[in-house]
Amino acid sequence: MIALVARGEIYLKADAETIPSFEQEGRAPFRYATKNGEHVLTSYWRMPDRLYDDPDQLARWARNALAAALRAKGKPKKAKSTATRKPKR
């Protein structure tokens, strides 16, 4: 997944390599409310508004989002807490 749409806004996949570009544009990560407070999903950042009018730049940012998604796919998943795992025999 390289993007998500929420409340009429597009959020692109981001990682340590691409987040600085979002920050330079004054963008913020995706946030949503939960019953326990606000949750921030730092792997998706709001797309710069200027990209709606610039298909070449939008394509570049979309390729960067795809690259971030592929890098994330290659990373090992975090282990679950040992308290929830069954002991090995």
N, C-alpha and C. Protein backbone atom coordinates (compact mmCIF):
# COMPACT_ATOMS: atom_id res chain seq x y z
N MET A 1 0.85 -1.16 0.00
CA MET A 1 0.00 0.00 0.00
C MET A 1 0.90 1.23 0.00
N ILE A 2 0.66 2.15 -0.93
CA ILE A 2 1.52 3.33 -1.02
C ILE A 2 0.81 4.61 -0.59
N ALA A 3 -0.49 4.54 -0.35
CA ALA A 3 -1.22 5.75 0.05
C ALA A 3 -2.51 5.36 0.75
N LEU A 4 -3.06 6.33 1.45
CA LEU A 4 -4.40 6.17 2.02
C LEU A 4 -5.11 7.51 1.89
N VAL A 5 -6.43 7.44 1.86
CA VAL A 5 -7.25 8.65 1.77
C VAL A 5 -8.13 8.70 3.01
N ALA A 6 -8.09 9.82 3.69
CA ALA A 6 -8.91 10.01 4.89
C ALA A 6 -9.37 11.46 4.94
N ARG A 7 -10.65 11.64 5.20
CA ARG A 7 -11.23 12.98 5.33
C ARG A 7 -10.89 13.85 4.11
N GLY A 8 -10.89 13.24 2.93
CA GLY A 8 -10.65 13.98 1.71
C GLY A 8 -9.20 14.36 1.46
N GLU A 9 -8.27 13.81 2.22
CA GLU A 9 -6.84 14.11 2.07
C GLU A 9 -6.11 12.83 1.69
N ILE A 10 -5.05 12.97 0.88
CA ILE A 10 -4.22 11.84 0.49
C ILE A 10 -2.96 11.84 1.35
N TYR A 11 -2.64 10.67 1.87
CA TYR A 11 -1.44 10.46 2.68
C TYR A 11 -0.58 9.43 1.96
N LEU A 12 0.68 9.75 1.74
CA LEU A 12 1.60 8.87 1.03
C LEU A 12 2.48 8.10 2.01
N LYS A 13 2.84 6.88 1.63
CA LYS A 13 3.74 6.06 2.42
C LYS A 13 5.08 6.79 2.57
N ALA A 14 5.63 6.76 3.76
CA ALA A 14 6.90 7.46 4.02
C ALA A 14 7.75 6.62 4.96
N ASP A 15 9.04 6.91 4.92
CA ASP A 15 9.98 6.27 5.83
C ASP A 15 11.12 7.24 6.11
N ALA A 16 12.14 6.78 6.77
CA ALA A 16 13.25 7.66 7.16
C ALA A 16 13.87 8.38 5.96
N GLU A 17 13.86 7.75 4.80
CA GLU A 17 14.44 8.38 3.61
C GLU A 17 13.56 9.48 3.03
N THR A 18 12.24 9.36 3.16
CA THR A 18 11.33 10.31 2.51
C THR A 18 10.68 11.32 3.46
N ILE A 19 10.66 11.04 4.74
CA ILE A 19 10.03 11.96 5.70
C ILE A 19 10.61 13.37 5.63
N PRO A 20 11.93 13.54 5.45
CA PRO A 20 12.45 14.92 5.36
C PRO A 20 11.79 15.74 4.24
N SER A 21 11.44 15.12 3.13
CA SER A 21 10.76 15.85 2.05
C SER A 21 9.39 16.34 2.50
N PHE A 22 8.68 15.53 3.25
CA PHE A 22 7.37 15.94 3.77
C PHE A 22 7.54 17.08 4.77
N GLU A 23 8.54 16.96 5.62
CA GLU A 23 8.79 18.01 6.61
C GLU A 23 9.14 19.33 5.93
N GLN A 24 9.94 19.29 4.86
CA GLN A 24 10.29 20.52 4.13
C GLN A 24 9.05 21.18 3.52
N GLU A 25 8.04 20.37 3.21
CA GLU A 25 6.80 20.89 2.63
C GLU A 25 5.81 21.33 3.72
N GLY A 26 6.18 21.15 4.98
CA GLY A 26 5.29 21.52 6.08
C GLY A 26 4.15 20.55 6.28
N ARG A 27 4.33 19.32 5.86
CA ARG A 27 3.30 18.28 5.98
C ARG A 27 3.42 17.58 7.33
N ALA A 28 2.38 16.83 7.68
CA ALA A 28 2.35 16.12 8.96
C ALA A 28 1.91 14.68 8.73
N PRO A 29 2.24 13.81 9.67
CA PRO A 29 1.81 12.41 9.54
C PRO A 29 0.31 12.27 9.78
N PHE A 30 -0.23 11.14 9.35
CA PHE A 30 -1.65 10.83 9.53
C PHE A 30 -1.96 10.65 11.02
N ARG A 31 -3.03 11.27 11.45
CA ARG A 31 -3.47 11.19 12.85
C ARG A 31 -4.95 10.82 12.88
N TYR A 32 -5.33 10.07 13.88
CA TYR A 32 -6.75 9.76 14.05
C TYR A 32 -7.05 9.55 15.53
N ALA A 33 -8.31 9.78 15.85
CA ALA A 33 -8.74 9.67 17.25
C ALA A 33 -9.13 8.23 17.56
N THR A 34 -8.79 7.81 18.77
CA THR A 34 -9.23 6.52 19.28
C THR A 34 -9.88 6.78 20.64
N LYS A 35 -10.48 5.77 21.21
CA LYS A 35 -11.11 5.95 22.52
C LYS A 35 -10.06 6.23 23.60
N ASN A 36 -8.78 5.92 23.30
CA ASN A 36 -7.70 6.15 24.26
C ASN A 36 -6.88 7.39 23.92
N GLY A 37 -7.37 8.21 22.99
CA GLY A 37 -6.64 9.41 22.61
C GLY A 37 -6.26 9.38 21.14
N GLU A 38 -5.41 10.30 20.76
CA GLU A 38 -4.99 10.40 19.36
C GLU A 38 -3.87 9.43 19.05
N HIS A 39 -3.95 8.83 17.87
CA HIS A 39 -2.90 7.93 17.41
C HIS A 39 -2.25 8.56 16.18
N VAL A 40 -0.92 8.51 16.10
CA VAL A 40 -0.19 9.05 14.96
C VAL A 40 0.43 7.89 14.20
N LEU A 41 0.13 7.83 12.91
CA LEU A 41 0.67 6.80 12.05
C LEU A 41 1.80 7.43 11.24
N THR A 42 3.02 7.30 11.71
CA THR A 42 4.15 8.02 11.12
C THR A 42 4.60 7.44 9.79
N SER A 43 4.02 6.36 9.34
CA SER A 43 4.41 5.79 8.06
C SER A 43 3.59 6.34 6.88
N TYR A 44 2.64 7.23 7.16
CA TYR A 44 1.87 7.90 6.10
C TYR A 44 1.81 9.40 6.41
N TRP A 45 2.20 10.20 5.42
CA TRP A 45 2.26 11.65 5.58
C TRP A 45 1.38 12.33 4.54
N ARG A 46 0.80 13.47 4.91
CA ARG A 46 -0.10 14.18 4.02
C ARG A 46 0.64 14.68 2.78
N MET A 47 0.04 14.42 1.64
CA MET A 47 0.62 14.81 0.37
C MET A 47 0.58 16.33 0.22
N PRO A 48 1.65 16.94 -0.29
CA PRO A 48 1.63 18.39 -0.52
C PRO A 48 0.54 18.77 -1.51
N ASP A 49 -0.18 19.84 -1.20
CA ASP A 49 -1.29 20.30 -2.05
C ASP A 49 -0.83 20.62 -3.47
N ARG A 50 0.38 21.12 -3.62
CA ARG A 50 0.87 21.52 -4.94
C ARG A 50 0.92 20.35 -5.93
N LEU A 51 0.96 19.12 -5.43
CA LEU A 51 1.06 17.96 -6.30
C LEU A 51 -0.23 17.71 -7.09
N TYR A 52 -1.35 18.22 -6.59
CA TYR A 52 -2.62 18.05 -7.32
C TYR A 52 -2.55 18.71 -8.69
N ASP A 53 -1.72 19.73 -8.85
CA ASP A 53 -1.62 20.48 -10.11
C ASP A 53 -0.33 20.18 -10.87
N ASP A 54 0.45 19.22 -10.43
CA ASP A 54 1.72 18.93 -11.07
C ASP A 54 1.89 17.42 -11.23
N PRO A 55 1.37 16.85 -12.32
CA PRO A 55 1.40 15.40 -12.47
C PRO A 55 2.81 14.80 -12.49
N ASP A 56 3.78 15.53 -13.01
CA ASP A 56 5.15 15.00 -13.03
C ASP A 56 5.70 14.86 -11.61
N GLN A 57 5.50 15.88 -10.80
CA GLN A 57 5.96 15.82 -9.41
C GLN A 57 5.15 14.79 -8.61
N LEU A 58 3.85 14.71 -8.88
CA LEU A 58 3.02 13.70 -8.21
C LEU A 58 3.55 12.31 -8.52
N ALA A 59 3.91 12.06 -9.77
CA ALA A 59 4.46 10.75 -10.14
C ALA A 59 5.76 10.48 -9.40
N ARG A 60 6.60 11.50 -9.26
CA ARG A 60 7.87 11.32 -8.52
C ARG A 60 7.60 10.96 -7.06
N TRP A 61 6.66 11.68 -6.43
CA TRP A 61 6.33 11.40 -5.03
C TRP A 61 5.68 10.02 -4.89
N ALA A 62 4.87 9.62 -5.87
CA ALA A 62 4.25 8.30 -5.83
C ALA A 62 5.32 7.20 -5.96
N ARG A 63 6.31 7.41 -6.82
CA ARG A 63 7.41 6.45 -6.93
C ARG A 63 8.19 6.36 -5.61
N ASN A 64 8.38 7.49 -4.96
CA ASN A 64 9.06 7.49 -3.66
C ASN A 64 8.24 6.74 -2.62
N ALA A 65 6.91 6.89 -2.67
CA ALA A 65 6.03 6.17 -1.74
C ALA A 65 6.11 4.67 -2.00
N LEU A 66 6.14 4.28 -3.27
CA LEU A 66 6.28 2.87 -3.60
C LEU A 66 7.62 2.34 -3.09
N ALA A 67 8.67 3.09 -3.27
CA ALA A 67 9.99 2.67 -2.78
C ALA A 67 9.97 2.50 -1.26
N ALA A 68 9.31 3.41 -0.56
CA ALA A 68 9.21 3.31 0.91
C ALA A 68 8.43 2.05 1.29
N ALA A 69 7.37 1.75 0.56
CA ALA A 69 6.57 0.55 0.85
C ALA A 69 7.40 -0.71 0.61
N LEU A 70 8.18 -0.72 -0.46
CA LEU A 70 9.01 -1.88 -0.74
C LEU A 70 10.11 -2.05 0.30
N ARG A 71 10.67 -0.93 0.77
CA ARG A 71 11.67 -1.03 1.84
C ARG A 71 11.04 -1.58 3.11
N ALA A 72 9.83 -1.14 3.42
CA ALA A 72 9.14 -1.61 4.63
C ALA A 72 8.82 -3.10 4.53
N LYS A 73 8.48 -3.53 3.34
CA LYS A 73 8.16 -4.95 3.13
C LYS A 73 9.37 -5.83 3.41
N GLY A 74 10.54 -5.33 3.13
CA GLY A 74 11.76 -6.10 3.32
C GLY A 74 12.24 -6.16 4.75
N LYS A 75 11.70 -5.29 5.61
CA LYS A 75 12.13 -5.26 7.01
C LYS A 75 11.44 -6.37 7.79
N PRO A 76 12.16 -6.98 8.74
CA PRO A 76 11.52 -7.99 9.58
C PRO A 76 10.48 -7.35 10.49
N LYS A 77 9.42 -8.09 10.74
CA LYS A 77 8.35 -7.60 11.62
C LYS A 77 8.84 -7.61 13.07
N LYS A 78 8.28 -6.66 13.85
CA LYS A 78 8.62 -6.62 15.27
C LYS A 78 8.00 -7.84 15.96
N ALA A 79 8.75 -8.41 16.88
CA ALA A 79 8.26 -9.56 17.62
C ALA A 79 7.16 -9.12 18.58
N LYS A 80 6.18 -9.98 18.73
CA LYS A 80 5.12 -9.70 19.70
C LYS A 80 5.67 -9.89 21.11
N SER A 81 4.99 -9.29 22.05
CA SER A 81 5.39 -9.41 23.44
C SER A 81 5.45 -10.88 23.86
N THR A 82 6.44 -11.22 24.65
CA THR A 82 6.57 -12.61 25.10
C THR A 82 5.44 -13.00 26.03
N ALA A 83 4.77 -12.03 26.61
CA ALA A 83 3.66 -12.34 27.51
C ALA A 83 2.49 -12.94 26.74
N THR A 84 2.37 -12.67 25.45
CA THR A 84 1.26 -13.19 24.68
C THR A 84 1.63 -14.44 23.88
N ARG A 85 2.90 -14.79 23.84
CA ARG A 85 3.34 -15.98 23.11
C ARG A 85 3.32 -17.21 23.98
N LYS A 86 3.03 -18.33 23.34
CA LYS A 86 3.10 -19.61 24.06
C LYS A 86 4.55 -20.02 24.16
N PRO A 87 4.95 -20.60 25.28
CA PRO A 87 6.34 -21.04 25.41
C PRO A 87 6.64 -22.17 24.43
N LYS A 88 7.90 -22.22 23.93
CA LYS A 88 8.32 -23.29 23.04
C LYS A 88 8.57 -24.54 23.84
N ARG A 89 8.34 -25.69 23.23
CA ARG A 89 8.58 -26.97 23.92
C ARG A 89 9.82 -27.60 23.42
